[in-house]
Amino acid sequence: MAAALPRSAAGNHSPWLIAFVVSIASFMEVLDTTIANVALRNIAGGLGAGQDESTWIITSYLISNAIILPISGWLSTLIGRKRFYMICVAIFTGSSLMCALSTNLPMMLFFRVLQGIGGGGLAPTEQSIFADSFPPEKHAQAFALYGVTVVLAPAIGPYLGGWLTDTFSWHWIFLINVPVGLLSLTLIQLFVDEPAILAKDKDELLNSGIPLDWLGFVLTASTFGFLQVVLDRFQQQDGFASTSITMMFVVFVVSLIALIFWEWNHPRPAVDVKLFKLRSFSAANVVMFVIGFTLFSTTQLIPQMTQELMGYDAMTAGKTLALGGLATTLMMPVAGLVVGRVIQPKWLVLTSLVISGMAMIHVSHLDTTASLSDIALSRAYQAVSLPFLFVSITAAGYIGVPEDRNSQASSILNLSRNLGGSVGVSFATTLLAWREQFHHARLAEHISPLSRLPQDVTASAAALAQQGQQLVQPQAQLMGYLDIFWLFGVACIALWPVALLLKNLPQGGAAHGH
């Protein structure tokens, strides 16, 4: 099977073996997008940094990751796919070790940037290897395995991060990457093939007489670097009331316009924006953005809500997502078998969006009396639909994409997912603050010293009012969280018409349109 595919990375080996090998490092990279969140306080204490400063540990990784993601397809062609992937694994592994050994915040941030650079190229390259190493009729099943990496890793990240931090120390959330990275490098060297046609692509790029698209690289870095800073720091720096946030947003907009214009007219662009002329590819990116928006946001919000309002420790808060991760793992193979063979992706995407939306609306009806099992089951409702959503949109997204643009398509699809996550988290954080203030003001209007009968009738009205304010704060905070879940749920349901833009797969599985 592998020999008939000129761009396959399998060589004489089974493509399923190659799929497993390249998934190892990518799983760890996606895991790193959430594993450090629950340990920020511990990391800040260990490095002598303030809580606000410690958020740059997350931001620095996301910025460099966002810069590399959209150009990873171009870089893999320029360097060679196997070599590029191994370089990314090596950078990610080495910088993970140095993050664990960091003794101050600047040292940590430097190596987190390097870690993001290495990690940014892993998932898109893995996805392009999947697309090239499996025949059309096997794409859905292959992307089901890839979906385990992308959907399961963020779900178990908070739990694993909490367990490692509570059981050992925060250093281990980085140290666990080291043996996994070394294993990945060894297996890639032994089993992953670099087909001759990719070397030909590289020679054509270098010898075509067309200058390499370094301006596209710079514009990409400017566009997504500044966007990530704006998204991550928006709430902390008071939004557009901050001059620095406003200026960075202007730079982002100008860079984005210049990037689109430049890449559209470049004969060998670093980011192939012309792929968006393909209807199915464009629709796939919209839905992939929403997957990132809802998945990453709720992955952060649920443990955060339980820690702040229900007193859960980091490990227990992570358990709220564990059942959802199990549901995703169990349903992913089913999705791989169903997509394209039994039901066309557009109908699965439509149905999954509605189910996911209803699940989040269900979460919006919880309260502080909800048990751990109540919250975990609510997450599981959403998680059941994610495999069908992810596999369908990934398989349908490649319809019509030429084989030699698979790497570019993979980069853009992964960028859409990650940007969705960044925008979703920023939006949720900002909206939470606004809605909490709104509910606090509304609830405070009804506070009266006579609204509760004190045991001590001599208690002052001022003391009672203060007690009322203490009761109002957590209630307002909870209502803010529930508003966000409700809004996310409605947004998912309202998006269903986009699914109809996806093209049908040929009978028997996914296929390119070339």
Protein backbone atom coordinates (compact mmCIF):
# COMPACT_ATOMS: atom_id res chain seq x y z
CA MET A 1 0.00 0.00 0.00
CA ALA A 2 2.76 2.44 0.91
CA ALA A 3 4.77 1.79 -2.26
CA ALA A 4 1.92 3.06 -4.48
CA LEU A 5 2.01 6.48 -2.80
CA PRO A 6 4.95 8.57 -4.04
CA ARG A 7 4.92 10.94 -1.07
CA SER A 8 4.47 8.30 1.61
CA ALA A 9 6.78 8.41 4.62
CA ALA A 10 6.27 4.69 5.23
CA GLY A 11 8.75 3.28 2.72
CA ASN A 12 8.68 -0.50 3.20
CA HIS A 13 6.95 -0.24 6.58
CA SER A 14 3.28 -0.19 7.47
CA PRO A 15 1.85 3.35 7.37
CA TRP A 16 0.18 2.61 10.71
CA LEU A 17 3.60 2.13 12.28
CA ILE A 18 4.69 5.48 10.85
CA ALA A 19 1.47 7.08 12.08
CA PHE A 20 2.21 5.86 15.60
CA VAL A 21 5.85 6.97 15.47
CA VAL A 22 5.14 10.54 14.36
CA SER A 23 2.25 10.87 16.83
CA ILE A 24 4.49 10.43 19.87
CA ALA A 25 6.20 13.83 19.87
CA SER A 26 3.12 15.62 18.53
CA PHE A 27 1.06 14.29 21.43
CA MET A 28 3.56 15.72 23.91
CA GLU A 29 3.57 19.07 22.09
CA VAL A 30 -0.22 19.41 22.13
CA LEU A 31 -0.19 18.28 25.76
CA ASP A 32 2.13 21.19 26.56
CA THR A 33 -0.52 23.70 25.51
CA THR A 34 -2.50 22.93 28.68
CA ILE A 35 -0.27 20.97 31.07
CA ALA A 36 1.46 24.06 32.49
CA ASN A 37 -1.75 25.99 33.21
CA VAL A 38 -2.53 24.34 36.54
CA ALA A 39 1.08 24.64 37.72
CA LEU A 40 1.60 28.37 37.07
CA ARG A 41 1.44 29.32 40.75
CA ASN A 42 4.01 26.69 41.65
CA ILE A 43 6.30 27.70 38.77
CA ALA A 44 6.02 31.37 39.72
CA GLY A 45 6.93 30.55 43.33
CA GLY A 46 9.90 28.45 42.24
CA LEU A 47 11.23 31.20 39.97
CA GLY A 48 10.52 34.08 42.34
CA ALA A 49 8.05 35.66 39.88
CA GLY A 50 4.73 37.36 40.47
CA GLN A 51 1.46 35.77 39.40
CA ASP A 52 0.95 38.27 36.56
CA GLU A 53 4.51 37.78 35.35
CA SER A 54 4.08 34.01 35.37
CA THR A 55 1.39 34.17 32.66
CA TRP A 56 4.18 34.98 30.20
CA ILE A 57 5.25 31.35 30.63
CA ILE A 58 2.12 30.44 28.68
CA THR A 59 2.19 33.48 26.39
CA SER A 60 5.81 33.08 25.27
CA TYR A 61 5.16 29.50 24.16
CA LEU A 62 1.99 30.40 22.28
CA ILE A 63 3.60 33.35 20.47
CA SER A 64 6.51 31.39 19.02
CA ASN A 65 4.19 28.46 18.30
CA ALA A 66 1.79 30.71 16.37
CA ILE A 67 4.64 32.15 14.29
CA ILE A 68 6.01 28.77 13.19
CA LEU A 69 2.68 27.02 12.56
CA PRO A 70 1.61 28.75 9.33
CA ILE A 71 5.05 28.50 7.70
CA SER A 72 5.91 24.96 8.80
CA GLY A 73 4.78 23.56 5.45
CA TRP A 74 7.12 25.92 3.61
CA LEU A 75 9.98 25.13 6.00
CA SER A 76 9.48 21.37 5.65
CA THR A 77 9.81 21.74 1.87
CA LEU A 78 12.86 23.97 2.23
CA ILE A 79 14.65 21.73 4.75
CA GLY A 80 13.17 18.32 3.95
CA ARG A 81 10.17 16.89 5.78
CA LYS A 82 11.92 14.22 7.84
CA ARG A 83 14.86 16.47 8.71
CA PHE A 84 12.53 19.35 9.62
CA TYR A 85 10.44 17.10 11.87
CA MET A 86 13.51 15.74 13.65
CA ILE A 87 14.90 19.26 14.13
CA CYS A 88 11.58 20.29 15.68
CA VAL A 89 11.58 17.28 18.01
CA ALA A 90 15.19 17.96 19.03
CA ILE A 91 14.50 21.66 19.76
CA PHE A 92 11.33 20.81 21.67
CA THR A 93 13.09 18.12 23.75
CA GLY A 94 16.20 20.13 24.53
CA SER A 95 14.27 23.27 25.46
CA SER A 96 11.94 21.21 27.68
CA LEU A 97 14.95 20.05 29.67
CA MET A 98 16.21 23.61 29.99
CA CYS A 99 12.78 24.82 31.10
CA ALA A 100 12.92 22.31 33.96
CA LEU A 101 16.43 23.54 34.88
CA SER A 102 15.52 27.24 34.73
CA THR A 103 16.33 29.23 37.84
CA ASN A 104 14.67 32.53 37.00
CA LEU A 105 11.85 33.90 34.87
CA PRO A 106 13.92 35.33 31.95
CA MET A 107 15.68 31.97 31.54
CA MET A 108 12.35 30.15 31.58
CA LEU A 109 10.80 32.50 29.00
CA PHE A 110 13.77 32.14 26.64
CA PHE A 111 13.52 28.37 26.59
CA ARG A 112 9.72 28.45 26.41
CA VAL A 113 10.08 30.48 23.20
CA LEU A 114 12.45 27.83 21.83
CA GLN A 115 10.05 25.12 22.95
CA GLY A 116 7.23 26.82 21.07
CA ILE A 117 9.39 27.09 17.94
CA GLY A 118 10.17 23.38 18.05
CA GLY A 119 6.62 22.39 18.89
CA GLY A 120 5.03 24.57 16.22
CA GLY A 121 6.23 22.40 13.37
CA LEU A 122 5.24 19.02 14.80
CA ALA A 123 1.47 18.76 14.37
CA PRO A 124 1.30 20.17 10.80
CA THR A 125 4.15 17.92 9.63
CA GLU A 126 2.54 14.89 11.27
CA GLN A 127 -0.77 15.67 9.59
CA SER A 128 0.86 16.04 6.16
CA ILE A 129 2.63 12.69 6.69
CA PHE A 130 -0.75 11.13 7.43
CA ALA A 131 -2.29 12.63 4.31
CA ASP A 132 0.59 11.45 2.12
CA SER A 133 1.13 7.99 3.62
CA PHE A 134 -2.44 6.67 3.48
CA PRO A 135 -4.55 6.10 0.37
CA PRO A 136 -7.79 8.08 0.08
CA GLU A 137 -10.00 5.32 1.44
CA LYS A 138 -7.93 5.20 4.67
CA HIS A 139 -7.78 8.92 5.40
CA ALA A 140 -10.67 8.98 7.86
CA GLN A 141 -9.22 6.13 9.92
CA ALA A 142 -5.77 7.72 9.84
CA PHE A 143 -7.07 11.09 10.97
CA ALA A 144 -8.93 9.34 13.78
CA LEU A 145 -5.53 8.36 15.19
CA TYR A 146 -4.30 11.91 14.67
CA GLY A 147 -7.46 13.16 16.37
CA VAL A 148 -6.53 11.30 19.54
CA THR A 149 -3.39 13.44 19.63
CA VAL A 150 -5.16 16.75 19.13
CA VAL A 151 -8.33 16.20 21.16
CA LEU A 152 -7.18 13.90 23.99
CA ALA A 153 -3.90 15.64 24.85
CA PRO A 154 -5.45 19.00 25.87
CA ALA A 155 -8.06 17.15 27.92
CA ILE A 156 -5.61 15.17 30.05
CA GLY A 157 -3.06 17.99 30.27
CA PRO A 158 -4.55 19.73 33.34
CA TYR A 159 -4.97 16.43 35.19
CA LEU A 160 -1.46 15.21 34.38
CA GLY A 161 0.00 18.62 35.19
CA GLY A 162 -1.81 18.71 38.52
CA TRP A 163 -0.74 15.17 39.42
CA LEU A 164 2.92 15.77 38.55
CA THR A 165 2.97 19.07 40.43
CA ASP A 166 1.25 17.71 43.55
CA THR A 167 3.13 14.39 43.60
CA PHE A 168 6.61 15.52 42.55
CA SER A 169 7.23 19.13 41.50
CA TRP A 170 6.44 21.49 38.63
CA HIS A 171 9.77 20.60 36.99
CA TRP A 172 8.33 17.27 35.92
CA ILE A 173 5.77 18.80 33.56
CA PHE A 174 8.80 19.61 31.40
CA LEU A 175 11.06 16.68 32.28
CA ILE A 176 8.58 14.09 31.02
CA ASN A 177 9.15 15.45 27.50
CA VAL A 178 12.81 14.45 27.53
CA PRO A 179 12.61 10.62 27.40
CA VAL A 180 9.60 10.82 25.08
CA GLY A 181 11.51 13.15 22.75
CA LEU A 182 14.57 10.90 22.68
CA LEU A 183 12.38 7.89 21.93
CA SER A 184 10.66 9.82 19.16
CA LEU A 185 13.95 10.84 17.54
CA THR A 186 15.20 7.26 17.58
CA LEU A 187 12.05 5.82 16.03
CA ILE A 188 11.81 8.53 13.38
CA GLN A 189 15.39 7.90 12.30
CA LEU A 190 14.77 4.16 12.10
CA PHE A 191 11.37 3.99 10.43
CA VAL A 192 10.32 7.24 8.75
CA ASP A 193 11.25 7.50 5.07
CA GLU A 194 12.03 10.60 3.01
CA PRO A 195 10.61 9.89 -0.46
CA ALA A 196 12.58 11.03 -3.49
CA ILE A 197 9.78 13.26 -4.72
CA LEU A 198 10.15 15.49 -1.65
CA ALA A 199 13.84 15.96 -2.43
CA LYS A 200 12.75 16.95 -5.93
CA ASP A 201 10.32 19.52 -4.45
CA LYS A 202 13.16 20.95 -2.39
CA ASP A 203 15.45 21.22 -5.42
CA GLU A 204 12.71 22.92 -7.44
CA LEU A 205 12.15 25.43 -4.64
CA LEU A 206 15.86 26.26 -4.34
CA ASN A 207 16.71 26.17 -8.06
CA SER A 208 13.57 27.73 -9.52
CA GLY A 209 15.14 31.16 -9.73
CA ILE A 210 12.31 32.50 -7.56
CA PRO A 211 13.63 34.20 -4.41
CA LEU A 212 12.69 32.47 -1.19
CA ASP A 213 9.75 34.13 0.49
CA TRP A 214 11.57 35.69 3.41
CA LEU A 215 9.25 38.71 3.46
CA GLY A 216 6.34 36.31 3.82
CA PHE A 217 8.15 34.76 6.78
CA VAL A 218 8.62 38.20 8.41
CA LEU A 219 5.01 39.23 7.78
CA THR A 220 3.78 35.93 9.20
CA ALA A 221 5.88 36.42 12.34
CA SER A 222 4.61 39.98 12.74
CA THR A 223 0.97 39.07 12.10
CA PHE A 224 0.58 36.10 14.39
CA GLY A 225 3.15 37.17 16.97
CA PHE A 226 1.41 40.47 17.68
CA LEU A 227 -2.03 38.84 17.50
CA GLN A 228 -1.05 36.31 20.15
CA VAL A 229 0.27 39.00 22.49
CA VAL A 230 -2.94 41.03 22.07
CA LEU A 231 -5.11 38.00 22.77
CA ASP A 232 -3.15 36.86 25.80
CA ARG A 233 -2.67 40.26 27.43
CA PHE A 234 -5.98 41.88 26.46
CA GLN A 235 -7.71 41.44 29.81
CA GLN A 236 -4.64 41.99 32.01
CA GLN A 237 -3.87 45.32 30.31
CA ASP A 238 -7.45 46.63 30.22
CA GLY A 239 -8.14 45.92 26.55
CA PHE A 240 -8.16 48.75 24.04
CA ALA A 241 -7.93 51.27 26.87
CA SER A 242 -4.26 50.29 26.88
CA THR A 243 -2.09 52.17 24.39
CA SER A 244 0.27 49.22 23.95
CA ILE A 245 -2.59 46.80 23.21
CA THR A 246 -4.09 49.22 20.69
CA MET A 247 -0.75 49.76 18.95
CA MET A 248 -0.05 46.02 18.74
CA PHE A 249 -3.51 45.41 17.34
CA VAL A 250 -2.90 48.03 14.64
CA VAL A 251 0.41 46.35 13.75
CA PHE A 252 -1.40 43.02 13.55
CA VAL A 253 -4.07 44.37 11.18
CA VAL A 254 -1.55 46.10 8.91
CA SER A 255 0.68 43.01 8.87
CA LEU A 256 -2.28 40.75 8.09
CA ILE A 257 -3.38 42.86 5.12
CA ALA A 258 0.18 43.01 3.80
CA LEU A 259 0.62 39.26 4.34
CA ILE A 260 -2.50 38.37 2.36
CA PHE A 261 -1.62 40.71 -0.51
CA TRP A 262 2.02 39.58 -0.68
CA GLU A 263 1.35 35.85 -0.39
CA TRP A 264 -1.50 35.96 -2.91
CA ASN A 265 0.85 37.31 -5.57
CA HIS A 266 4.01 35.38 -4.68
CA PRO A 267 4.71 32.38 -6.98
CA ARG A 268 6.03 30.20 -4.10
CA PRO A 269 4.48 31.70 -0.94
CA ALA A 270 5.46 30.75 2.58
CA VAL A 271 1.73 30.65 3.41
CA ASP A 272 -0.48 29.53 0.52
CA VAL A 273 -3.51 31.77 1.07
CA LYS A 274 -4.93 30.75 -2.32
CA LEU A 275 -6.00 27.48 -0.75
CA PHE A 276 -8.92 29.42 0.68
CA LYS A 277 -10.38 29.55 -2.82
CA LEU A 278 -11.34 25.92 -2.21
CA ARG A 279 -14.82 25.95 -0.67
CA SER A 280 -14.42 22.81 1.40
CA PHE A 281 -11.01 23.88 2.71
CA SER A 282 -12.34 27.28 3.77
CA ALA A 283 -15.35 25.73 5.52
CA ALA A 284 -13.06 23.22 7.24
CA ASN A 285 -10.92 26.04 8.64
CA VAL A 286 -13.98 27.87 9.99
CA VAL A 287 -15.15 24.76 11.84
CA MET A 288 -11.60 23.94 12.96
CA PHE A 289 -11.38 27.45 14.42
CA VAL A 290 -14.59 26.81 16.36
CA ILE A 291 -13.26 23.46 17.59
CA GLY A 292 -10.22 25.25 19.00
CA PHE A 293 -12.39 28.10 20.32
CA THR A 294 -14.68 25.83 22.33
CA LEU A 295 -12.34 22.94 23.17
CA PHE A 296 -9.38 24.91 24.51
CA SER A 297 -11.56 27.51 26.24
CA THR A 298 -13.71 24.99 28.09
CA THR A 299 -10.62 22.90 28.85
CA GLN A 300 -9.29 25.90 30.77
CA LEU A 301 -12.60 27.18 32.16
CA ILE A 302 -13.90 23.99 33.77
CA PRO A 303 -10.85 23.29 36.01
CA GLN A 304 -10.53 27.01 36.72
CA MET A 305 -14.17 27.24 37.80
CA THR A 306 -13.93 24.21 40.08
CA GLN A 307 -10.73 25.45 41.71
CA GLU A 308 -12.03 28.97 42.34
CA LEU A 309 -15.61 28.19 43.37
CA MET A 310 -15.59 24.62 44.64
CA GLY A 311 -12.20 24.45 46.32
CA TYR A 312 -10.77 21.66 44.15
CA ASP A 313 -7.03 21.17 44.13
CA ALA A 314 -5.17 21.02 40.81
CA MET A 315 -5.38 17.24 40.43
CA THR A 316 -9.08 17.02 41.33
CA ALA A 317 -9.86 19.88 38.96
CA GLY A 318 -8.10 17.97 36.22
CA LYS A 319 -10.33 14.95 36.90
CA THR A 320 -13.31 16.94 35.64
CA LEU A 321 -11.89 16.48 32.13
CA ALA A 322 -10.70 12.88 32.47
CA LEU A 323 -14.03 11.21 31.64
CA GLY A 324 -14.32 13.40 28.55
CA GLY A 325 -10.86 12.31 27.46
CA LEU A 326 -11.86 8.66 27.88
CA ALA A 327 -15.05 9.22 25.86
CA THR A 328 -13.04 10.86 23.09
CA THR A 329 -10.56 7.98 22.98
CA LEU A 330 -13.29 5.35 22.80
CA MET A 331 -15.27 7.13 20.10
CA MET A 332 -12.35 8.13 17.86
CA PRO A 333 -12.00 4.69 16.16
CA VAL A 334 -15.76 4.65 15.61
CA ALA A 335 -15.52 8.04 13.93
CA GLY A 336 -12.74 6.75 11.70
CA LEU A 337 -14.92 3.86 10.53
CA VAL A 338 -18.09 5.92 10.03
CA VAL A 339 -16.78 9.05 8.29
CA GLY A 340 -17.21 8.78 4.53
CA ARG A 341 -18.11 5.10 4.61
CA VAL A 342 -21.49 5.39 6.31
CA ILE A 343 -22.23 9.10 6.63
CA GLN A 344 -20.79 12.04 4.71
CA PRO A 345 -18.66 14.48 6.77
CA LYS A 346 -21.02 17.44 6.31
CA TRP A 347 -23.84 15.65 8.15
CA LEU A 348 -21.57 14.45 10.93
CA VAL A 349 -20.14 17.94 11.37
CA LEU A 350 -23.63 19.45 11.45
CA THR A 351 -24.87 16.92 14.00
CA SER A 352 -21.73 17.17 16.13
CA LEU A 353 -21.92 20.96 16.27
CA VAL A 354 -25.49 20.76 17.55
CA ILE A 355 -24.66 18.06 20.12
CA SER A 356 -21.58 19.95 21.31
CA GLY A 357 -23.64 23.14 21.61
CA MET A 358 -26.36 21.40 23.58
CA ALA A 359 -23.73 19.89 25.90
CA MET A 360 -22.31 23.32 26.72
CA ILE A 361 -25.80 24.73 27.28
CA HIS A 362 -26.30 21.83 29.70
CA VAL A 363 -23.15 22.90 31.60
CA SER A 364 -24.62 26.41 31.89
CA HIS A 365 -27.34 25.01 34.19
CA LEU A 366 -24.93 23.63 36.81
CA ASP A 367 -24.40 25.31 40.18
CA THR A 368 -21.96 25.11 43.09
CA THR A 369 -23.78 22.08 44.51
CA ALA A 370 -22.79 20.04 41.44
CA SER A 371 -20.62 17.05 42.27
CA LEU A 372 -17.42 16.03 40.54
CA SER A 373 -19.32 13.34 38.63
CA ASP A 374 -21.94 15.89 37.48
CA ILE A 375 -19.26 18.12 36.00
CA ALA A 376 -17.32 15.21 34.49
CA LEU A 377 -20.46 13.82 32.83
CA SER A 378 -21.29 17.23 31.41
CA ARG A 379 -17.83 17.36 29.85
CA ALA A 380 -18.26 13.83 28.53
CA TYR A 381 -21.43 14.88 26.68
CA GLN A 382 -19.39 17.37 24.69
CA ALA A 383 -16.44 15.00 24.27
CA VAL A 384 -18.54 12.27 22.63
CA SER A 385 -19.19 14.49 19.60
CA LEU A 386 -15.62 15.76 19.21
CA PRO A 387 -14.16 12.68 17.40
CA PHE A 388 -16.85 12.79 14.71
CA LEU A 389 -16.41 16.53 14.37
CA PHE A 390 -12.63 16.46 14.17
CA VAL A 391 -12.21 13.44 11.89
CA SER A 392 -14.92 14.68 9.51
CA ILE A 393 -13.52 18.17 9.20
CA THR A 394 -9.93 17.00 8.77
CA ALA A 395 -10.82 14.47 6.07
CA ALA A 396 -13.09 16.89 4.19
CA GLY A 397 -10.58 19.73 4.46
CA TYR A 398 -8.17 18.04 2.03
CA ILE A 399 -10.72 17.61 -0.77
CA GLY A 400 -9.39 19.47 -3.80
CA VAL A 401 -5.98 20.20 -2.25
CA PRO A 402 -3.13 19.16 -4.62
CA GLU A 403 -0.79 16.56 -3.10
CA ASP A 404 2.20 18.90 -3.19
CA ARG A 405 0.24 21.41 -1.06
CA ASN A 406 -0.63 18.94 1.71
CA SER A 407 1.99 20.44 4.02
CA GLN A 408 0.66 23.95 3.46
CA ALA A 409 -2.93 22.80 4.04
CA SER A 410 -1.90 21.00 7.25
CA SER A 411 -0.16 24.12 8.54
CA ILE A 412 -3.19 26.32 7.95
CA LEU A 413 -5.67 23.84 9.46
CA ASN A 414 -3.55 23.54 12.60
CA LEU A 415 -3.15 27.31 12.74
CA SER A 416 -6.93 27.70 12.62
CA ARG A 417 -7.33 25.29 15.53
CA ASN A 418 -4.67 27.00 17.64
CA LEU A 419 -5.89 30.50 16.83
CA GLY A 420 -9.38 29.41 17.75
CA GLY A 421 -8.03 28.30 21.11
CA SER A 422 -6.17 31.56 21.70
CA VAL A 423 -9.13 33.73 20.66
CA GLY A 424 -11.51 31.58 22.70
CA VAL A 425 -9.46 31.76 25.90
CA SER A 426 -8.96 35.53 25.52
CA PHE A 427 -12.64 36.08 24.75
CA ALA A 428 -13.74 33.90 27.67
CA THR A 429 -11.37 35.63 30.10
CA THR A 430 -12.56 39.09 29.08
CA LEU A 431 -16.23 38.14 29.02
CA LEU A 432 -15.94 36.45 32.41
CA ALA A 433 -14.71 39.68 33.98
CA TRP A 434 -17.47 41.72 32.35
CA ARG A 435 -20.29 39.33 33.22
CA GLU A 436 -19.02 38.91 36.78
CA GLN A 437 -19.14 42.69 37.26
CA PHE A 438 -22.60 42.83 35.70
CA HIS A 439 -24.05 40.10 37.94
CA HIS A 440 -22.32 41.48 41.01
CA ALA A 441 -23.95 44.86 40.47
CA ARG A 442 -27.38 43.33 39.88
CA LEU A 443 -27.19 41.04 42.92
CA ALA A 444 -25.83 43.79 45.17
CA GLU A 445 -28.91 45.89 44.45
CA HIS A 446 -31.02 43.37 46.37
CA ILE A 447 -28.82 43.09 49.44
CA SER A 448 -30.52 44.29 52.59
CA PRO A 449 -29.49 43.92 56.23
CA LEU A 450 -32.98 42.48 56.84
CA SER A 451 -32.72 39.92 54.06
CA ARG A 452 -31.22 37.41 56.50
CA LEU A 453 -32.17 37.02 60.16
CA PRO A 454 -29.06 37.09 62.36
CA GLN A 455 -28.74 34.98 65.46
CA ASP A 456 -27.27 37.98 67.20
CA VAL A 457 -29.94 40.68 66.90
CA THR A 458 -27.40 43.31 67.90
CA ALA A 459 -25.31 42.74 64.77
CA SER A 460 -24.89 45.95 62.88
CA ALA A 461 -26.44 46.59 59.48
CA ALA A 462 -22.96 47.27 58.14
CA ALA A 463 -21.76 43.84 59.19
CA LEU A 464 -24.77 42.24 57.56
CA ALA A 465 -24.18 44.17 54.37
CA GLN A 466 -20.57 43.01 54.30
CA GLN A 467 -21.73 39.43 54.80
CA GLY A 468 -24.12 39.87 51.91
CA GLN A 469 -21.31 41.14 49.69
CA GLN A 470 -19.25 38.06 50.55
CA LEU A 471 -22.14 35.87 49.47
CA VAL A 472 -22.67 37.84 46.27
CA GLN A 473 -19.10 37.54 44.95
CA PRO A 474 -18.96 33.77 44.33
CA GLN A 475 -22.53 33.76 43.03
CA ALA A 476 -21.71 36.52 40.52
CA GLN A 477 -18.55 34.69 39.52
CA LEU A 478 -20.47 31.44 38.93
CA MET A 479 -23.12 33.22 36.87
CA GLY A 480 -20.33 34.69 34.73
CA TYR A 481 -18.95 31.22 33.99
CA LEU A 482 -22.41 29.87 33.15
CA ASP A 483 -23.05 32.77 30.77
CA ILE A 484 -19.94 31.84 28.82
CA PHE A 485 -20.92 28.18 28.50
CA TRP A 486 -24.37 29.18 27.33
CA LEU A 487 -23.00 31.60 24.74
CA PHE A 488 -20.48 29.03 23.44
CA GLY A 489 -23.26 26.48 23.14
CA VAL A 490 -25.50 28.81 21.16
CA ALA A 491 -22.58 29.75 18.89
CA CYS A 492 -21.89 26.08 18.08
CA ILE A 493 -25.51 25.40 17.21
CA ALA A 494 -25.77 28.56 15.09
CA LEU A 495 -22.75 27.49 13.03
CA TRP A 496 -24.42 24.41 11.51
CA PRO A 497 -25.01 26.00 8.04
CA VAL A 498 -21.23 26.16 7.50
CA ALA A 499 -21.16 22.35 7.52
CA LEU A 500 -23.23 22.31 4.33
CA LEU A 501 -20.33 23.95 2.47
CA LEU A 502 -18.19 20.84 2.92
CA LYS A 503 -17.91 18.67 -0.16
CA ASN A 504 -18.88 15.02 -0.11
CA LEU A 505 -16.17 12.39 0.04
CA PRO A 506 -16.11 9.80 -2.74
CA GLN A 507 -17.80 6.56 -1.75
CA GLY A 508 -15.40 4.62 0.44
CA GLY A 509 -13.38 7.43 2.03
CA ALA A 510 -11.57 10.70 1.71
CA ALA A 511 -9.94 11.90 -1.45
CA HIS A 512 -8.11 14.79 -2.96
CA GLY A 513 -9.57 16.64 -5.84
CA HIS A 514 -6.58 16.56 -8.11
